C-alpha atoms as a PDB file:
ATOM      1  CA  MET A   1     -34.946  54.745   0.286  1.00  0.00           C
ATOM      2  CA  HIS A   2     -34.920  57.760  -3.009  1.00  0.00           C
ATOM      3  CA  PRO A   3     -37.835  57.414  -5.410  1.00  0.00           C
ATOM      4  CA  GLU A   4     -35.277  57.512  -8.738  1.00  0.00           C
ATOM      5  CA  GLN A   5     -33.436  54.415  -7.341  1.00  0.00           C
ATOM      6  CA  PRO A   6     -34.989  50.589  -8.421  1.00  0.00           C
ATOM      7  CA  ASP A   7     -35.556  48.391  -5.068  1.00  0.00           C
ATOM      8  CA  THR A   8     -33.495  45.786  -6.094  1.00  0.00           C
ATOM      9  CA  ASN A   9     -35.062  44.104  -2.956  1.00  0.00           C
ATOM     10  CA  THR A  10     -37.486  42.362  -4.575  1.00  0.00           C
ATOM     11  CA  ARG A  11     -36.099  39.465  -6.668  1.00  0.00           C
ATOM     12  CA  ASP A  12     -35.570  36.248  -5.405  1.00  0.00           C
ATOM     13  CA  GLU A  13     -32.090  36.874  -4.675  1.00  0.00           C
ATOM     14  CA  ARG A  14     -31.788  32.863  -3.092  1.00  0.00           C
ATOM     15  CA  PRO A  15     -27.875  30.770  -3.276  1.00  0.00           C
ATOM     16  CA  PRO A  16     -28.126  28.408  -6.760  1.00  0.00           C
ATOM     17  CA  ARG A  17     -28.871  25.269  -5.524  1.00  0.00           C
ATOM     18  CA  ALA A  18     -26.486  21.687  -4.514  1.00  0.00           C
ATOM     19  CA  LYS A  19     -26.704  20.101  -8.194  1.00  0.00           C
ATOM     20  CA  VAL A  20     -29.177  16.466  -6.311  1.00  0.00           C
ATOM     21  CA  LEU A  21     -27.496  13.599  -7.504  1.00  0.00           C
ATOM     22  CA  ARG A  22     -30.014  10.704  -7.765  1.00  0.00           C
ATOM     23  CA  PRO A  23     -29.230   7.303  -5.851  1.00  0.00           C
ATOM     24  CA  ALA A  24     -28.490   5.912  -9.037  1.00  0.00           C
ATOM     25  CA  GLU A  25     -26.134   8.129  -9.996  1.00  0.00           C
ATOM     26  CA  ASP A  26     -24.262   8.538  -6.647  1.00  0.00           C
ATOM     27  CA  ALA A  27     -24.478   5.100  -7.232  1.00  0.00           C
ATOM     28  CA  ALA A  28     -22.330   4.431 -10.804  1.00  0.00           C
ATOM     29  CA  ARG A  29     -20.367   8.080  -8.822  1.00  0.00           C
ATOM     30  CA  LEU A  30     -19.195   6.012  -5.840  1.00  0.00           C
ATOM     31  CA  LYS A  31     -17.914   2.325  -8.417  1.00  0.00           C
ATOM     32  CA  ARG A  32     -16.245   5.068 -10.404  1.00  0.00           C
ATOM     33  CA  VAL A  33     -14.256   6.257  -6.919  1.00  0.00           C
ATOM     34  CA  VAL A  34     -14.043   2.537  -6.591  1.00  0.00           C
ATOM     35  CA  ARG A  35     -12.942   1.626  -9.645  1.00  0.00           C
ATOM     36  CA  ALA A  36      -9.657   4.412 -10.106  1.00  0.00           C
ATOM     37  CA  VAL A  37      -8.455   3.255  -6.304  1.00  0.00           C
ATOM     38  CA  LEU A  38      -8.847  -0.600  -7.142  1.00  0.00           C
ATOM     39  CA  LEU A  39      -7.159  -0.067  -9.816  1.00  0.00           C
ATOM     40  CA  SER A  40      -4.142   2.905  -8.609  1.00  0.00           C
ATOM     41  CA  LEU A  41      -3.220   0.551  -5.870  1.00  0.00           C
ATOM     42  CA  ALA A  42      -2.664  -2.192  -8.117  1.00  0.00           C
ATOM     43  CA  ALA A  43      -0.694   0.160 -10.715  1.00  0.00           C
ATOM     44  CA  VAL A  44       1.716   1.112  -7.135  1.00  0.00           C
ATOM     45  CA  LEU A  45       1.951  -2.747  -6.637  1.00  0.00           C
ATOM     46  CA  THR A  46       2.946  -2.960  -9.733  1.00  0.00           C
ATOM     47  CA  ALA A  47       5.943  -0.473  -9.475  1.00  0.00           C
ATOM     48  CA  VAL A  48       6.927  -2.042  -6.192  1.00  0.00           C
ATOM     49  CA  PHE A  49       7.375  -5.916  -7.489  1.00  0.00           C
ATOM     50  CA  ALA A  50       8.685  -4.209 -11.061  1.00  0.00           C
ATOM     51  CA  ALA A  51      11.415  -2.367  -8.586  1.00  0.00           C
ATOM     52  CA  ALA A  52      11.890  -5.817  -6.742  1.00  0.00           C
ATOM     53  CA  ALA A  53      12.425  -7.440 -10.033  1.00  0.00           C
ATOM     54  CA  TYR A  54      14.964  -4.997 -11.163  1.00  0.00           C
ATOM     55  CA  ILE A  55      17.231  -4.761  -8.286  1.00  0.00           C
ATOM     56  CA  HIS A  56      19.730  -7.398  -7.793  1.00  0.00           C
ATOM     57  CA  PRO A  57      20.167  -9.197  -4.721  1.00  0.00           C
ATOM     58  CA  TYR A  58      22.825 -11.458  -4.636  1.00  0.00           C
ATOM     59  CA  ASP A  59      26.783 -10.681  -3.885  1.00  0.00           C
ATOM     60  CA  GLU A  60      29.408 -11.335  -7.018  1.00  0.00           C
ATOM     61  CA  ASP A  61      30.303 -14.508  -4.887  1.00  0.00           C
ATOM     62  CA  GLY A  62      26.062 -15.729  -6.079  1.00  0.00           C
ATOM     63  CA  THR A  63      25.785 -15.491  -2.349  1.00  0.00           C
ATOM     64  CA  PRO A  64      22.185 -13.989  -1.898  1.00  0.00           C
ATOM     65  CA  ARG A  65      22.381 -10.729  -0.412  1.00  0.00           C
ATOM     66  CA  THR A  66      20.548 -10.107   3.606  1.00  0.00           C
ATOM     67  CA  MET A  67      19.265  -6.833   2.838  1.00  0.00           C
ATOM     68  CA  SER A  68      20.956  -3.312   1.653  1.00  0.00           C
ATOM     69  CA  THR A  69      20.222  -3.926  -1.160  1.00  0.00           C
ATOM     70  CA  HIS A  70      17.276  -0.432  -1.347  1.00  0.00           C
ATOM     71  CA  THR A  71      20.382   1.497  -1.930  1.00  0.00           C
ATOM     72  CA  GLN A  72      19.794  -0.183  -6.013  1.00  0.00           C
ATOM     73  CA  LEU A  73      16.933   1.941  -5.767  1.00  0.00           C
ATOM     74  CA  GLY A  74      19.321   5.745  -5.223  1.00  0.00           C
ATOM     75  CA  MET A  75      17.838   5.407  -1.169  1.00  0.00           C
ATOM     76  CA  PRO A  76      20.442   5.840   1.931  1.00  0.00           C
ATOM     77  CA  PRO A  77      21.627   3.013   3.989  1.00  0.00           C
ATOM     78  CA  CYS A  78      19.703   2.274   6.922  1.00  0.00           C
ATOM     79  CA  ASN A  79      20.097   4.991   9.099  1.00  0.00           C
ATOM     80  CA  PHE A  80      19.711   2.996  12.188  1.00  0.00           C
ATOM     81  CA  ALA A  81      21.861   0.574  11.522  1.00  0.00           C
ATOM     82  CA  VAL A  82      24.803   2.291   9.848  1.00  0.00           C
ATOM     83  CA  LEU A  83      24.535   4.228  13.938  1.00  0.00           C
ATOM     84  CA  THR A  84      23.500   1.373  16.255  1.00  0.00           C
ATOM     85  CA  GLY A  85      25.340  -1.741  13.837  1.00  0.00           C
ATOM     86  CA  LYS A  86      22.008  -3.399  14.740  1.00  0.00           C
ATOM     87  CA  PRO A  87      18.950  -3.738  12.342  1.00  0.00           C
ATOM     88  CA  CYS A  88      15.831  -2.022  11.985  1.00  0.00           C
ATOM     89  CA  PRO A  89      12.602  -3.276  12.312  1.00  0.00           C
ATOM     90  CA  SER A  90      11.777  -3.434   8.659  1.00  0.00           C
ATOM     91  CA  CYS A  91      15.766  -3.832   7.578  1.00  0.00           C
ATOM     92  CA  GLY A  92      15.756  -7.412   4.657  1.00  0.00           C
ATOM     93  CA  MET A  93      12.840  -6.279   3.772  1.00  0.00           C
ATOM     94  CA  THR A  94      13.628  -4.656   0.030  1.00  0.00           C
ATOM     95  CA  THR A  95      16.227  -7.895  -0.013  1.00  0.00           C
ATOM     96  CA  SER A  96      14.130 -10.318   0.889  1.00  0.00           C
ATOM     97  CA  PHE A  97      10.991  -8.994  -2.205  1.00  0.00           C
ATOM     98  CA  ALA A  98      13.872  -8.927  -4.165  1.00  0.00           C
ATOM     99  CA  LEU A  99      14.980 -12.333  -2.990  1.00  0.00           C
ATOM    100  CA  LEU A 100      11.290 -13.956  -3.229  1.00  0.00           C
ATOM    101  CA  VAL A 101      10.708 -12.618  -6.885  1.00  0.00           C
ATOM    102  CA  HIS A 102      13.782 -13.599  -8.374  1.00  0.00           C
ATOM    103  CA  GLY A 103      12.910 -17.002  -7.039  1.00  0.00           C
ATOM    104  CA  ASP A 104      15.002 -17.455  -3.917  1.00  0.00           C
ATOM    105  CA  VAL A 105      12.694 -18.934  -2.126  1.00  0.00           C
ATOM    106  CA  SER A 106      15.110 -19.994   0.574  1.00  0.00           C
ATOM    107  CA  ALA A 107      16.893 -17.126   0.830  1.00  0.00           C
ATOM    108  CA  SER A 108      14.382 -14.548   0.607  1.00  0.00           C
ATOM    109  CA  LEU A 109      13.044 -16.474   3.983  1.00  0.00           C
ATOM    110  CA  ARG A 110      16.479 -15.870   6.249  1.00  0.00           C
ATOM    111  CA  ALA A 111      16.398 -12.016   4.377  1.00  0.00           C
ATOM    112  CA  ASN A 112      13.435 -11.686   6.560  1.00  0.00           C
ATOM    113  CA  TRP A 113      10.968 -14.697   6.909  1.00  0.00           C
ATOM    114  CA  VAL A 114       7.794 -11.216   7.507  1.00  0.00           C
ATOM    115  CA  GLY A 115       9.804  -9.302   4.272  1.00  0.00           C
ATOM    116  CA  THR A 116       9.155 -12.255   2.593  1.00  0.00           C
ATOM    117  CA  THR A 117       5.099 -12.620   4.311  1.00  0.00           C
ATOM    118  CA  ILE A 118       4.196  -9.331   3.134  1.00  0.00           C
ATOM    119  CA  CYS A 119       5.992  -9.694  -0.546  1.00  0.00           C
ATOM    120  CA  VAL A 120       3.228 -12.763  -1.070  1.00  0.00           C
ATOM    121  CA  ILE A 121      -0.130 -10.309   1.141  1.00  0.00           C
ATOM    122  CA  TRP A 122       1.088  -8.293  -1.535  1.00  0.00           C
ATOM    123  CA  ALA A 123       1.094 -10.592  -4.557  1.00  0.00           C
ATOM    124  CA  LEU A 124      -2.404 -11.784  -3.114  1.00  0.00           C
ATOM    125  CA  THR A 125      -3.540  -7.759  -2.611  1.00  0.00           C
ATOM    126  CA  LEU A 126      -2.077  -6.893  -6.858  1.00  0.00           C
ATOM    127  CA  VAL A 127      -4.268 -10.225  -7.741  1.00  0.00           C
ATOM    128  CA  TRP A 128      -6.931  -8.928  -5.640  1.00  0.00           C
ATOM    129  CA  ALA A 129      -7.019  -5.307  -6.465  1.00  0.00           C
ATOM    130  CA  LEU A 130      -7.055  -5.730 -10.267  1.00  0.00           C
ATOM    131  CA  ALA A 131      -9.311  -7.894  -9.948  1.00  0.00           C
ATOM    132  CA  SER A 132     -11.711  -6.217  -7.909  1.00  0.00           C
ATOM    133  CA  GLY A 133     -10.997  -2.562 -10.024  1.00  0.00           C
ATOM    134  CA  LEU A 134     -12.505  -4.463 -13.673  1.00  0.00           C
ATOM    135  CA  ARG A 135     -14.931  -5.298 -11.464  1.00  0.00           C
ATOM    136  CA  GLY A 136     -16.100  -1.785 -10.574  1.00  0.00           C
ATOM    137  CA  GLN A 137     -15.985  -3.734  -6.345  1.00  0.00           C
ATOM    138  CA  PRO A 138     -13.822  -5.264  -3.796  1.00  0.00           C
ATOM    139  CA  LEU A 139     -14.489  -9.263  -4.500  1.00  0.00           C
ATOM    140  CA  PHE A 140     -14.340 -10.808  -1.137  1.00  0.00           C
ATOM    141  CA  VAL A 141     -15.107  -8.292   0.897  1.00  0.00           C
ATOM    142  CA  PRO A 142     -18.261  -8.232   3.373  1.00  0.00           C
ATOM    143  CA  LYS A 143     -20.863  -6.199   2.940  1.00  0.00           C
ATOM    144  CA  ARG A 144     -21.238  -5.456   6.704  1.00  0.00           C
ATOM    145  CA  ARG A 145     -20.400  -1.788   6.529  1.00  0.00           C
ATOM    146  CA  GLY A 146     -16.592  -1.567   8.481  1.00  0.00           C
ATOM    147  CA  ALA A 147     -16.135  -5.126   7.469  1.00  0.00           C
ATOM    148  CA  GLY A 148     -13.126  -3.648   4.538  1.00  0.00           C
ATOM    149  CA  GLU A 149     -11.210  -1.891   7.468  1.00  0.00           C
ATOM    150  CA  LEU A 150     -11.762  -4.506   9.771  1.00  0.00           C
ATOM    151  CA  ILE A 151      -9.830  -6.982   7.775  1.00  0.00           C
ATOM    152  CA  PHE A 152      -7.163  -4.323   6.724  1.00  0.00           C
ATOM    153  CA  THR A 153      -6.535  -3.670  10.351  1.00  0.00           C
ATOM    154  CA  CYS A 154      -6.619  -6.247  11.472  1.00  0.00           C
ATOM    155  CA  VAL A 155      -4.079  -7.516   8.058  1.00  0.00           C
ATOM    156  CA  THR A 156      -1.958  -4.204   8.953  1.00  0.00           C
ATOM    157  CA  GLY A 157      -1.813  -4.943  12.899  1.00  0.00           C
ATOM    158  CA  ALA A 158      -0.598  -8.325  12.326  1.00  0.00           C
ATOM    159  CA  VAL A 159       2.343  -7.464   9.865  1.00  0.00           C
ATOM    160  CA  VAL A 160       3.523  -4.908  11.862  1.00  0.00           C
ATOM    161  CA  PHE A 161       2.686  -7.133  15.395  1.00  0.00           C
ATOM    162  CA  LEU A 162       5.839 -10.153  13.372  1.00  0.00           C
ATOM    163  CA  MET A 163       7.951  -6.586  12.658  1.00  0.00           C
ATOM    164  CA  LEU A 164       8.517  -6.077  15.567  1.00  0.00           C
ATOM    165  CA  ALA A 165       8.533  -9.102  17.453  1.00  0.00           C
ATOM    166  CA  ARG A 166      11.370 -10.166  14.029  1.00  0.00           C
ATOM    167  CA  TRP A 167      12.956  -7.190  15.602  1.00  0.00           C
ATOM    168  CA  GLY A 168      12.555  -8.485  19.125  1.00  0.00           C
ATOM    169  CA  VAL A 169      14.729 -11.685  18.662  1.00  0.00           C
ATOM    170  CA  LEU A 170      17.198 -10.250  16.616  1.00  0.00           C
ATOM    171  CA  LEU A 171      18.038  -7.858  19.379  1.00  0.00           C
ATOM    172  CA  ILE A 172      17.963 -10.312  21.604  1.00  0.00           C
ATOM    173  CA  TRP A 173      19.468 -12.718  20.361  1.00  0.00           C
ATOM    174  CA  GLY A 174      22.107 -11.995  17.514  1.00  0.00           C
END
């Protein structure tokens, strides 16, 4: 080391520490995140129901349609149905949503009864997400760790099972 150069290592050059949140601050931040997620979920579901209300699920003669109303939203026809002539597991779901939103329960069930079931579940989820978001915490979900994930997984698994079971019946018996 040269005598004319100052020793720069004498200063304490520790990296700055990350801000440590106190438990109350951390809980408040988590509550804001949960509230934002729940209100976002409510907004997305509201958009789904608005799209279903926009769709006209009837033919020109007033007969309820059973599928392909999603094309009114600018989506292409179902590739599976076009290629095979058979419906895919979700064929008729958009139509069943639109029919149910328009108040035609029996036609909704005929179009795709699993879609009708999902529509009801999503309507309940919309109300729950909005109420929970306004409250800032998920309502009716047990406080146990993983309880919310277990409920979500079970409901999703049941819906997927119903979709595939309905599809299997349609493929086998028409």
